[in-house]
Amino acid sequence: MALFGSSSATAEASSPSTSQEIKASLIRQVQEEAAMSNARSLIGKVNEHCFDACVPTPGSSLTAKESTCLSQCMEKYIGFWNASSRAYIARVSKESKSLGGADLSGVSL
C-alpha cells in the first residue's frame, strides 16, 4: 500500500519499499508542504503590507506611481524574506550539526 492510503496499483508499484525510503519520502513531502505554506504566507504579507502602503484609494486600475511603489515594495519585502530565511536555515543547520543532527543547508523556505 502506498503512502497515505492510496491503493492504486501504480502507486503501490512505485511506493517506497524500505523504512529509509519512506522516511525520506515523508520528509520531502513535509518540506514541500512547508515551502508552499511559506510561499502563501509571503504572498499574503506582501499583499497586506505593500498594497496598504502603495494604494491609498483603490480604484479600477493602478496609477504609474502605485505600480512602481508596489514593485519596489514587493522586491524589498521578498529580499528581506529571503535574507531572513537564509539566516534562519543557517542557524538551524549549525545548531543541528552541533547536536549531531542532519545538515539542513539544502532546505528552502
PDB file of N, CA and C in Angstrom:
ATOM      1  N   MET A   1       0.840  -1.181   0.000  1.00  0.00           N
ATOM      2  CA  MET A   1       0.000   0.000   0.000  1.00  0.00           C
ATOM      3  C   MET A   1       0.881   1.240   0.000  1.00  0.00           C
ATOM      4  N   ALA A   2       0.516   2.224  -0.803  1.00  0.00           N
ATOM      5  CA  ALA A   2       1.293   3.454  -0.909  1.00  0.00           C
ATOM      6  C   ALA A   2       1.058   4.353   0.299  1.00  0.00           C
ATOM      7  N   LEU A   3       1.842   5.385   0.383  1.00  0.00           N
ATOM      8  CA  LEU A   3       1.717   6.325   1.488  1.00  0.00           C
ATOM      9  C   LEU A   3       0.352   7.001   1.501  1.00  0.00           C
ATOM     10  N   PHE A   4      -0.156   7.256   2.673  1.00  0.00           N
ATOM     11  CA  PHE A   4      -1.391   7.998   2.900  1.00  0.00           C
ATOM     12  C   PHE A   4      -2.605   7.375   2.226  1.00  0.00           C
ATOM     13  N   GLY A   5      -2.683   6.065   2.223  1.00  0.00           N
ATOM     14  CA  GLY A   5      -3.895   5.368   1.842  1.00  0.00           C
ATOM     15  C   GLY A   5      -4.176   5.224   0.367  1.00  0.00           C
ATOM     16  N   SER A   6      -3.301   5.622  -0.523  1.00  0.00           N
ATOM     17  CA  SER A   6      -3.525   5.434  -1.941  1.00  0.00           C
ATOM     18  C   SER A   6      -3.438   3.947  -2.237  1.00  0.00           C
ATOM     19  N   SER A   7      -4.432   3.415  -2.929  1.00  0.00           N
ATOM     20  CA  SER A   7      -4.435   1.973  -3.151  1.00  0.00           C
ATOM     21  C   SER A   7      -4.342   1.595  -4.620  1.00  0.00           C
ATOM     22  N   SER A   8      -3.996   2.517  -5.492  1.00  0.00           N
ATOM     23  CA  SER A   8      -3.886   2.176  -6.902  1.00  0.00           C
ATOM     24  C   SER A   8      -2.671   1.287  -7.139  1.00  0.00           C
ATOM     25  N   ALA A   9      -2.762   0.458  -8.165  1.00  0.00           N
ATOM     26  CA  ALA A   9      -1.686  -0.482  -8.467  1.00  0.00           C
ATOM     27  C   ALA A   9      -0.400   0.254  -8.839  1.00  0.00           C
ATOM     28  N   THR A  10      -0.512   1.353  -9.591  1.00  0.00           N
ATOM     29  CA  THR A  10       0.694   2.088  -9.977  1.00  0.00           C
ATOM     30  C   THR A  10       1.325   2.749  -8.770  1.00  0.00           C
ATOM     31  N   ALA A  11       0.520   3.217  -7.842  1.00  0.00           N
ATOM     32  CA  ALA A  11       1.074   3.831  -6.634  1.00  0.00           C
ATOM     33  C   ALA A  11       1.797   2.782  -5.805  1.00  0.00           C
ATOM     34  N   GLU A  12       1.236   1.566  -5.756  1.00  0.00           N
ATOM     35  CA  GLU A  12       1.886   0.508  -4.995  1.00  0.00           C
ATOM     36  C   GLU A  12       3.201   0.100  -5.634  1.00  0.00           C
ATOM     37  N   ALA A  13       3.233   0.063  -6.956  1.00  0.00           N
ATOM     38  CA  ALA A  13       4.444  -0.353  -7.648  1.00  0.00           C
ATOM     39  C   ALA A  13       5.571   0.658  -7.464  1.00  0.00           C
ATOM     40  N   SER A  14       5.215   1.943  -7.337  1.00  0.00           N
ATOM     41  CA  SER A  14       6.256   2.958  -7.221  1.00  0.00           C
ATOM     42  C   SER A  14       6.451   3.430  -5.787  1.00  0.00           C
ATOM     43  N   SER A  15       5.762   2.807  -4.840  1.00  0.00           N
ATOM     44  CA  SER A  15       5.875   3.253  -3.453  1.00  0.00           C
ATOM     45  C   SER A  15       7.214   2.837  -2.861  1.00  0.00           C
ATOM     46  N   PRO A  16       7.698   3.627  -1.889  1.00  0.00           N
ATOM     47  CA  PRO A  16       8.972   3.294  -1.244  1.00  0.00           C
ATOM     48  C   PRO A  16       8.888   1.934  -0.555  1.00  0.00           C
ATOM     49  N   SER A  17       9.989   1.192  -0.578  1.00  0.00           N
ATOM     50  CA  SER A  17       9.940  -0.158  -0.021  1.00  0.00           C
ATOM     51  C   SER A  17      10.645  -0.275   1.322  1.00  0.00           C
ATOM     52  N   THR A  18      11.591   0.553   1.592  1.00  0.00           N
ATOM     53  CA  THR A  18      12.301   0.436   2.851  1.00  0.00           C
ATOM     54  C   THR A  18      11.891   1.553   3.796  1.00  0.00           C
ATOM     55  N   SER A  19      12.197   1.348   5.028  1.00  0.00           N
ATOM     56  CA  SER A  19      11.877   2.333   6.048  1.00  0.00           C
ATOM     57  C   SER A  19      12.589   3.652   5.779  1.00  0.00           C
ATOM     58  N   GLN A  20      13.846   3.599   5.316  1.00  0.00           N
ATOM     59  CA  GLN A  20      14.593   4.822   4.999  1.00  0.00           C
ATOM     60  C   GLN A  20      13.964   5.562   3.826  1.00  0.00           C
ATOM     61  N   GLU A  21      13.499   4.816   2.815  1.00  0.00           N
ATOM     62  CA  GLU A  21      12.856   5.446   1.663  1.00  0.00           C
ATOM     63  C   GLU A  21      11.540   6.103   2.078  1.00  0.00           C
ATOM     64  N   ILE A  22      10.797   5.444   2.938  1.00  0.00           N
ATOM     65  CA  ILE A  22       9.540   6.003   3.432  1.00  0.00           C
ATOM     66  C   ILE A  22       9.816   7.278   4.221  1.00  0.00           C
ATOM     67  N   LYS A  23      10.818   7.222   5.081  1.00  0.00           N
ATOM     68  CA  LYS A  23      11.185   8.387   5.884  1.00  0.00           C
ATOM     69  C   LYS A  23      11.608   9.544   4.976  1.00  0.00           C
ATOM     70  N   ALA A  24      12.444   9.266   3.979  1.00  0.00           N
ATOM     71  CA  ALA A  24      12.902  10.300   3.052  1.00  0.00           C
ATOM     72  C   ALA A  24      11.729  10.883   2.265  1.00  0.00           C
ATOM     73  N   SER A  25      10.812  10.021   1.861  1.00  0.00           N
ATOM     74  CA  SER A  25       9.638  10.474   1.127  1.00  0.00           C
ATOM     75  C   SER A  25       8.766  11.383   1.994  1.00  0.00           C
ATOM     76  N   LEU A  26       8.568  11.006   3.237  1.00  0.00           N
ATOM     77  CA  LEU A  26       7.774  11.830   4.154  1.00  0.00           C
ATOM     78  C   LEU A  26       8.451  13.170   4.422  1.00  0.00           C
ATOM     79  N   ILE A  27       9.760  13.142   4.585  1.00  0.00           N
ATOM     80  CA  ILE A  27      10.500  14.387   4.821  1.00  0.00           C
ATOM     81  C   ILE A  27      10.359  15.313   3.624  1.00  0.00           C
ATOM     82  N   ARG A  28      10.505  14.765   2.402  1.00  0.00           N
ATOM     83  CA  ARG A  28      10.342  15.584   1.195  1.00  0.00           C
ATOM     84  C   ARG A  28       8.938  16.183   1.124  1.00  0.00           C
ATOM     85  N   GLN A  29       7.941  15.365   1.440  1.00  0.00           N
ATOM     86  CA  GLN A  29       6.558  15.838   1.387  1.00  0.00           C
ATOM     87  C   GLN A  29       6.326  16.965   2.396  1.00  0.00           C
ATOM     88  N   VAL A  30       6.836  16.802   3.605  1.00  0.00           N
ATOM     89  CA  VAL A  30       6.682  17.840   4.628  1.00  0.00           C
ATOM     90  C   VAL A  30       7.421  19.107   4.200  1.00  0.00           C
ATOM     91  N   GLN A  31       8.617  18.964   3.620  1.00  0.00           N
ATOM     92  CA  GLN A  31       9.369  20.129   3.152  1.00  0.00           C
ATOM     93  C   GLN A  31       8.612  20.858   2.049  1.00  0.00           C
ATOM     94  N   GLU A  32       8.010  20.107   1.129  1.00  0.00           N
ATOM     95  CA  GLU A  32       7.250  20.722   0.046  1.00  0.00           C
ATOM     96  C   GLU A  32       6.031  21.457   0.592  1.00  0.00           C
ATOM     97  N   GLU A  33       5.339  20.838   1.546  1.00  0.00           N
ATOM     98  CA  GLU A  33       4.171  21.481   2.141  1.00  0.00           C
ATOM     99  C   GLU A  33       4.573  22.723   2.924  1.00  0.00           C
ATOM    100  N   ALA A  34       5.703  22.672   3.625  1.00  0.00           N
ATOM    101  CA  ALA A  34       6.197  23.840   4.363  1.00  0.00           C
ATOM    102  C   ALA A  34       6.560  24.956   3.390  1.00  0.00           C
ATOM    103  N   ALA A  35       7.182  24.608   2.265  1.00  0.00           N
ATOM    104  CA  ALA A  35       7.541  25.613   1.265  1.00  0.00           C
ATOM    105  C   ALA A  35       6.291  26.277   0.691  1.00  0.00           C
ATOM    106  N   MET A  36       5.262  25.483   0.420  1.00  0.00           N
ATOM    107  CA  MET A  36       4.007  26.046  -0.090  1.00  0.00           C
ATOM    108  C   MET A  36       3.358  26.959   0.948  1.00  0.00           C
ATOM    109  N   SER A  37       3.369  26.539   2.191  1.00  0.00           N
ATOM    110  CA  SER A  37       2.802  27.360   3.257  1.00  0.00           C
ATOM    111  C   SER A  37       3.568  28.669   3.398  1.00  0.00           C
ATOM    112  N   ASN A  38       4.890  28.594   3.335  1.00  0.00           N
ATOM    113  CA  ASN A  38       5.712  29.801   3.414  1.00  0.00           C
ATOM    114  C   ASN A  38       5.457  30.724   2.228  1.00  0.00           C
ATOM    115  N   ALA A  39       5.292  30.161   1.048  1.00  0.00           N
ATOM    116  CA  ALA A  39       5.018  30.972  -0.140  1.00  0.00           C
ATOM    117  C   ALA A  39       3.669  31.681  -0.003  1.00  0.00           C
ATOM    118  N   ARG A  40       2.660  30.948   0.488  1.00  0.00           N
ATOM    119  CA  ARG A  40       1.351  31.572   0.704  1.00  0.00           C
ATOM    120  C   ARG A  40       1.440  32.692   1.734  1.00  0.00           C
ATOM    121  N   SER A  41       2.194  32.447   2.780  1.00  0.00           N
ATOM    122  CA  SER A  41       2.380  33.459   3.818  1.00  0.00           C
ATOM    123  C   SER A  41       3.076  34.691   3.250  1.00  0.00           C
ATOM    124  N   LEU A  42       4.118  34.481   2.457  1.00  0.00           N
ATOM    125  CA  LEU A  42       4.842  35.583   1.837  1.00  0.00           C
ATOM    126  C   LEU A  42       3.917  36.408   0.954  1.00  0.00           C
ATOM    127  N   ILE A  43       3.148  35.747   0.114  1.00  0.00           N
ATOM    128  CA  ILE A  43       2.221  36.455  -0.779  1.00  0.00           C
ATOM    129  C   ILE A  43       1.204  37.247   0.035  1.00  0.00           C
ATOM    130  N   GLY A  44       0.678  36.642   1.088  1.00  0.00           N
ATOM    131  CA  GLY A  44      -0.284  37.333   1.940  1.00  0.00           C
ATOM    132  C   GLY A  44       0.311  38.555   2.601  1.00  0.00           C
ATOM    133  N   LYS A  45       1.537  38.435   3.123  1.00  0.00           N
ATOM    134  CA  LYS A  45       2.199  39.562   3.782  1.00  0.00           C
ATOM    135  C   LYS A  45       2.528  40.664   2.771  1.00  0.00           C
ATOM    136  N   VAL A  46       2.993  40.279   1.588  1.00  0.00           N
ATOM    137  CA  VAL A  46       3.285  41.274   0.559  1.00  0.00           C
ATOM    138  C   VAL A  46       2.001  42.020   0.199  1.00  0.00           C
ATOM    139  N   ASN A  47       0.923  41.268  -0.028  1.00  0.00           N
ATOM    140  CA  ASN A  47      -0.350  41.906  -0.362  1.00  0.00           C
ATOM    141  C   ASN A  47      -0.794  42.850   0.744  1.00  0.00           C
ATOM    142  N   GLU A  48      -0.722  42.368   1.968  1.00  0.00           N
ATOM    143  CA  GLU A  48      -1.176  43.155   3.113  1.00  0.00           C
ATOM    144  C   GLU A  48      -0.363  44.439   3.276  1.00  0.00           C
ATOM    145  N   HIS A  49       0.942  44.319   3.327  1.00  0.00           N
ATOM    146  CA  HIS A  49       1.791  45.471   3.609  1.00  0.00           C
ATOM    147  C   HIS A  49       1.970  46.388   2.401  1.00  0.00           C
ATOM    148  N   CYS A  50       2.282  45.828   1.267  1.00  0.00           N
ATOM    149  CA  CYS A  50       2.571  46.657   0.101  1.00  0.00           C
ATOM    150  C   CYS A  50       1.311  47.316  -0.453  1.00  0.00           C
ATOM    151  N   PHE A  51       0.230  46.594  -0.518  1.00  0.00           N
ATOM    152  CA  PHE A  51      -0.995  47.186  -1.056  1.00  0.00           C
ATOM    153  C   PHE A  51      -1.462  48.320  -0.161  1.00  0.00           C
ATOM    154  N   ASP A  52      -1.455  48.078   1.146  1.00  0.00           N
ATOM    155  CA  ASP A  52      -1.879  49.124   2.085  1.00  0.00           C
ATOM    156  C   ASP A  52      -0.989  50.360   1.983  1.00  0.00           C
ATOM    157  N   ALA A  53       0.316  50.139   1.802  1.00  0.00           N
ATOM    158  CA  ALA A  53       1.252  51.257   1.747  1.00  0.00           C
ATOM    159  C   ALA A  53       1.213  51.999   0.411  1.00  0.00           C
ATOM    160  N   CYS A  54       0.919  51.288  -0.674  1.00  0.00           N
ATOM    161  CA  CYS A  54       1.063  51.883  -2.009  1.00  0.00           C
ATOM    162  C   CYS A  54      -0.245  52.307  -2.677  1.00  0.00           C
ATOM    163  N   VAL A  55      -1.355  51.773  -2.216  1.00  0.00           N
ATOM    164  CA  VAL A  55      -2.633  52.078  -2.862  1.00  0.00           C
ATOM    165  C   VAL A  55      -3.589  52.653  -1.815  1.00  0.00           C
ATOM    166  N   PRO A  56      -3.511  53.969  -1.583  1.00  0.00           N
ATOM    167  CA  PRO A  56      -4.342  54.569  -0.539  1.00  0.00           C
ATOM    168  C   PRO A  56      -5.840  54.539  -0.857  1.00  0.00           C
ATOM    169  N   THR A  57      -6.188  54.702  -2.117  1.00  0.00           N
ATOM    170  CA  THR A  57      -7.602  54.659  -2.511  1.00  0.00           C
ATOM    171  C   THR A  57      -7.743  53.726  -3.714  1.00  0.00           C
ATOM    172  N   PRO A  58      -8.130  52.466  -3.479  1.00  0.00           N
ATOM    173  CA  PRO A  58      -8.266  51.504  -4.584  1.00  0.00           C
ATOM    174  C   PRO A  58      -9.285  51.983  -5.626  1.00  0.00           C
ATOM    175  N   GLY A  59      -8.974  51.705  -6.853  1.00  0.00           N
ATOM    176  CA  GLY A  59      -9.860  52.041  -7.961  1.00  0.00           C
ATOM    177  C   GLY A  59      -9.868  50.909  -8.969  1.00  0.00           C
ATOM    178  N   SER A  60     -10.289  51.206 -10.176  1.00  0.00           N
ATOM    179  CA  SER A  60     -10.385  50.164 -11.202  1.00  0.00           C
ATOM    180  C   SER A  60      -9.034  49.851 -11.837  1.00  0.00           C
ATOM    181  N   SER A  61      -8.047  50.719 -11.664  1.00  0.00           N
ATOM    182  CA  SER A  61      -6.713  50.463 -12.198  1.00  0.00           C
ATOM    183  C   SER A  61      -5.679  51.166 -11.318  1.00  0.00           C
ATOM    184  N   LEU A  62      -4.420  50.770 -11.495  1.00  0.00           N
ATOM    185  CA  LEU A  62      -3.325  51.364 -10.730  1.00  0.00           C
ATOM    186  C   LEU A  62      -2.707  52.512 -11.503  1.00  0.00           C
ATOM    187  N   THR A  63      -2.323  53.535 -10.780  1.00  0.00           N
ATOM    188  CA  THR A  63      -1.574  54.616 -11.417  1.00  0.00           C
ATOM    189  C   THR A  63      -0.133  54.145 -11.602  1.00  0.00           C
ATOM    190  N   ALA A  64       0.626  54.882 -12.382  1.00  0.00           N
ATOM    191  CA  ALA A  64       2.040  54.532 -12.595  1.00  0.00           C
ATOM    192  C   ALA A  64       2.790  54.590 -11.271  1.00  0.00           C
ATOM    193  N   LYS A  65       2.472  55.591 -10.452  1.00  0.00           N
ATOM    194  CA  LYS A  65       3.134  55.740  -9.154  1.00  0.00           C
ATOM    195  C   LYS A  65       2.813  54.550  -8.242  1.00  0.00           C
ATOM    196  N   GLU A  66       1.547  54.128  -8.216  1.00  0.00           N
ATOM    197  CA  GLU A  66       1.153  52.980  -7.395  1.00  0.00           C
ATOM    198  C   GLU A  66       1.824  51.705  -7.876  1.00  0.00           C
ATOM    199  N   SER A  67       1.880  51.531  -9.175  1.00  0.00           N
ATOM    200  CA  SER A  67       2.510  50.343  -9.750  1.00  0.00           C
ATOM    201  C   SER A  67       4.000  50.285  -9.404  1.00  0.00           C
ATOM    202  N   THR A  68       4.689  51.403  -9.530  1.00  0.00           N
ATOM    203  CA  THR A  68       6.111  51.472  -9.184  1.00  0.00           C
ATOM    204  C   THR A  68       6.313  51.188  -7.708  1.00  0.00           C
ATOM    205  N   CYS A  69       5.476  51.805  -6.880  1.00  0.00           N
ATOM    206  CA  CYS A  69       5.559  51.592  -5.435  1.00  0.00           C
ATOM    207  C   CYS A  69       5.365  50.118  -5.094  1.00  0.00           C
ATOM    208  N   LEU A  70       4.361  49.482  -5.695  1.00  0.00           N
ATOM    209  CA  LEU A  70       4.105  48.056  -5.435  1.00  0.00           C
ATOM    210  C   LEU A  70       5.294  47.202  -5.850  1.00  0.00           C
ATOM    211  N   SER A  71       5.852  47.468  -7.017  1.00  0.00           N
ATOM    212  CA  SER A  71       7.002  46.688  -7.495  1.00  0.00           C
ATOM    213  C   SER A  71       8.193  46.819  -6.554  1.00  0.00           C
ATOM    214  N   GLN A  72       8.505  48.047  -6.159  1.00  0.00           N
ATOM    215  CA  GLN A  72       9.637  48.266  -5.268  1.00  0.00           C
ATOM    216  C   GLN A  72       9.394  47.648  -3.897  1.00  0.00           C
ATOM    217  N   CYS A  73       8.183  47.792  -3.391  1.00  0.00           N
ATOM    218  CA  CYS A  73       7.843  47.231  -2.086  1.00  0.00           C
ATOM    219  C   CYS A  73       7.958  45.709  -2.109  1.00  0.00           C
ATOM    220  N   MET A  74       7.412  45.088  -3.162  1.00  0.00           N
ATOM    221  CA  MET A  74       7.478  43.623  -3.260  1.00  0.00           C
ATOM    222  C   MET A  74       8.915  43.144  -3.354  1.00  0.00           C
ATOM    223  N   GLU A  75       9.743  43.825  -4.148  1.00  0.00           N
ATOM    224  CA  GLU A  75      11.145  43.433  -4.277  1.00  0.00           C
ATOM    225  C   GLU A  75      11.862  43.520  -2.932  1.00  0.00           C
ATOM    226  N   LYS A  76      11.626  44.598  -2.206  1.00  0.00           N
ATOM    227  CA  LYS A  76      12.251  44.753  -0.893  1.00  0.00           C
ATOM    228  C   LYS A  76      11.760  43.696   0.082  1.00  0.00           C
ATOM    229  N   TYR A  77      10.445  43.491   0.115  1.00  0.00           N
ATOM    230  CA  TYR A  77       9.859  42.534   1.062  1.00  0.00           C
ATOM    231  C   TYR A  77      10.377  41.128   0.788  1.00  0.00           C
ATOM    232  N   ILE A  78      10.397  40.738  -0.479  1.00  0.00           N
ATOM    233  CA  ILE A  78      10.873  39.396  -0.844  1.00  0.00           C
ATOM    234  C   ILE A  78      12.373  39.272  -0.558  1.00  0.00           C
ATOM    235  N   GLY A  79      13.140  40.339  -0.797  1.00  0.00           N
ATOM    236  CA  GLY A  79      14.569  40.319  -0.476  1.00  0.00           C
ATOM    237  C   GLY A  79      14.811  40.119   1.011  1.00  0.00           C
ATOM    238  N   PHE A  80      14.063  40.846   1.836  1.00  0.00           N
ATOM    239  CA  PHE A  80      14.178  40.677   3.285  1.00  0.00           C
ATOM    240  C   PHE A  80      13.753  39.279   3.712  1.00  0.00           C
ATOM    241  N   TRP A  81      12.694  38.774   3.100  1.00  0.00           N
ATOM    242  CA  TRP A  81      12.193  37.429   3.401  1.00  0.00           C
ATOM    243  C   TRP A  81      13.282  36.401   3.095  1.00  0.00           C
ATOM    244  N   ASN A  82      13.908  36.519   1.927  1.00  0.00           N
ATOM    245  CA  ASN A  82      14.954  35.571   1.536  1.00  0.00           C
ATOM    246  C   ASN A  82      16.159  35.650   2.472  1.00  0.00           C
ATOM    247  N   ALA A  83      16.559  36.871   2.820  1.00  0.00           N
ATOM    248  CA  ALA A  83      17.706  37.037   3.717  1.00  0.00           C
ATOM    249  C   ALA A  83      17.419  36.434   5.090  1.00  0.00           C
ATOM    250  N   SER A  84      16.236  36.674   5.619  1.00  0.00           N
ATOM    251  CA  SER A  84      15.906  36.123   6.935  1.00  0.00           C
ATOM    252  C   SER A  84      15.759  34.610   6.867  1.00  0.00           C
ATOM    253  N   SER A  85      15.240  34.086   5.770  1.00  0.00           N
ATOM    254  CA  SER A  85      15.121  32.632   5.610  1.00  0.00           C
ATOM    255  C   SER A  85      16.495  31.977   5.564  1.00  0.00           C
ATOM    256  N   ARG A  86      17.418  32.579   4.810  1.00  0.00           N
ATOM    257  CA  ARG A  86      18.783  32.032   4.741  1.00  0.00           C
ATOM    258  C   ARG A  86      19.448  32.057   6.115  1.00  0.00           C
ATOM    259  N   ALA A  87      19.266  33.150   6.839  1.00  0.00           N
ATOM    260  CA  ALA A  87      19.866  33.250   8.180  1.00  0.00           C
ATOM    261  C   ALA A  87      19.258  32.215   9.125  1.00  0.00           C
ATOM    262  N   TYR A  88      17.955  32.020   9.024  1.00  0.00           N
ATOM    263  CA  TYR A  88      17.272  31.047   9.871  1.00  0.00           C
ATOM    264  C   TYR A  88      17.768  29.634   9.563  1.00  0.00           C
ATOM    265  N   ILE A  89      17.835  29.287   8.287  1.00  0.00           N
ATOM    266  CA  ILE A  89      18.278  27.949   7.887  1.00  0.00           C
ATOM    267  C   ILE A  89      19.726  27.723   8.311  1.00  0.00           C
ATOM    268  N   ALA A  90      20.571  28.738   8.150  1.00  0.00           N
ATOM    269  CA  ALA A  90      21.975  28.602   8.557  1.00  0.00           C
ATOM    270  C   ALA A  90      22.072  28.359  10.063  1.00  0.00           C
ATOM    271  N   ARG A  91      21.284  29.071  10.825  1.00  0.00           N
ATOM    272  CA  ARG A  91      21.329  28.906  12.282  1.00  0.00           C
ATOM    273  C   ARG A  91      20.807  27.529  12.699  1.00  0.00           C
ATOM    274  N   VAL A  92      19.689  27.120  12.130  1.00  0.00           N
ATOM    275  CA  VAL A  92      19.138  25.804  12.456  1.00  0.00           C
ATOM    276  C   VAL A  92      20.107  24.708  12.045  1.00  0.00           C
ATOM    277  N   SER A  93      20.723  24.861  10.872  1.00  0.00           N
ATOM    278  CA  SER A  93      21.680  23.868  10.402  1.00  0.00           C
ATOM    279  C   SER A  93      22.876  23.787  11.338  1.00  0.00           C
ATOM    280  N   LYS A  94      23.387  24.937  11.742  1.00  0.00           N
ATOM    281  CA  LYS A  94      24.532  24.976  12.653  1.00  0.00           C
ATOM    282  C   LYS A  94      24.186  24.314  13.990  1.00  0.00           C
ATOM    283  N   GLU A  95      23.012  24.637  14.533  1.00  0.00           N
ATOM    284  CA  GLU A  95      22.604  24.056  15.811  1.00  0.00           C
ATOM    285  C   GLU A  95      22.337  22.557  15.673  1.00  0.00           C
ATOM    286  N   SER A  96      21.776  22.172  14.528  1.00  0.00           N
ATOM    287  CA  SER A  96      21.513  20.762  14.285  1.00  0.00           C
ATOM    288  C   SER A  96      22.814  19.975  14.205  1.00  0.00           C
ATOM    289  N   LYS A  97      23.816  20.535  13.510  1.00  0.00           N
ATOM    290  CA  LYS A  97      25.119  19.869  13.400  1.00  0.00           C
ATOM    291  C   LYS A  97      25.785  19.754  14.769  1.00  0.00           C
ATOM    292  N   SER A  98      25.661  20.802  15.580  1.00  0.00           N
ATOM    293  CA  SER A  98      26.297  20.761  16.903  1.00  0.00           C
ATOM    294  C   SER A  98      25.632  19.729  17.810  1.00  0.00           C
ATOM    295  N   LEU A  99      24.369  19.405  17.508  1.00  0.00           N
ATOM    296  CA  LEU A  99      23.656  18.385  18.281  1.00  0.00           C
ATOM    297  C   LEU A  99      23.738  17.015  17.618  1.00  0.00           C
ATOM    298  N   GLY A 100      24.466  16.932  16.504  1.00  0.00           N
ATOM    299  CA  GLY A 100      24.638  15.654  15.812  1.00  0.00           C
ATOM    300  C   GLY A 100      23.515  15.335  14.844  1.00  0.00           C
ATOM    301  N   GLY A 101      22.757  16.333  14.437  1.00  0.00           N
ATOM    302  CA  GLY A 101      21.638  16.108  13.534  1.00  0.00           C
ATOM    303  C   GLY A 101      22.040  16.219  12.080  1.00  0.00           C
ATOM    304  N   ALA A 102      21.029  16.298  11.229  1.00  0.00           N
ATOM    305  CA  ALA A 102      21.234  16.354   9.775  1.00  0.00           C
ATOM    306  C   ALA A 102      21.598  17.758   9.319  1.00  0.00           C
ATOM    307  N   ASP A 103      22.245  17.842   8.153  1.00  0.00           N
ATOM    308  CA  ASP A 103      22.585  19.116   7.543  1.00  0.00           C
ATOM    309  C   ASP A 103      21.345  19.643   6.830  1.00  0.00           C
ATOM    310  N   LEU A 104      20.948  20.880   7.130  1.00  0.00           N
ATOM    311  CA  LEU A 104      19.760  21.470   6.540  1.00  0.00           C
ATOM    312  C   LEU A 104      20.096  22.565   5.520  1.00  0.00           C
ATOM    313  N   SER A 105      21.315  22.628   5.079  1.00  0.00           N
ATOM    314  CA  SER A 105      21.725  23.717   4.185  1.00  0.00           C
ATOM    315  C   SER A 105      21.006  23.670   2.853  1.00  0.00           C
ATOM    316  N   GLY A 106      20.498  22.514   2.426  1.00  0.00           N
ATOM    317  CA  GLY A 106      19.777  22.419   1.157  1.00  0.00           C
ATOM    318  C   GLY A 106      18.291  22.683   1.279  1.00  0.00           C
ATOM    319  N   VAL A 107      17.812  22.953   2.473  1.00  0.00           N
ATOM    320  CA  VAL A 107      16.397  23.191   2.711  1.00  0.00           C
ATOM    321  C   VAL A 107      16.047  24.602   2.266  1.00  0.00           C
ATOM    322  N   SER A 108      14.879  24.766   1.641  1.00  0.00           N
ATOM    323  CA  SER A 108      14.437  26.100   1.276  1.00  0.00           C
ATOM    324  C   SER A 108      13.126  26.409   1.942  1.00  0.00           C
ATOM    325  N   LEU A 109      12.998  27.653   2.350  1.00  0.00           N
ATOM    326  CA  LEU A 109      11.751  28.097   2.992  1.00  0.00           C
ATOM    327  C   LEU A 109      10.976  28.978   2.085  1.00  0.00           C
TER     328      LEU A 109
END
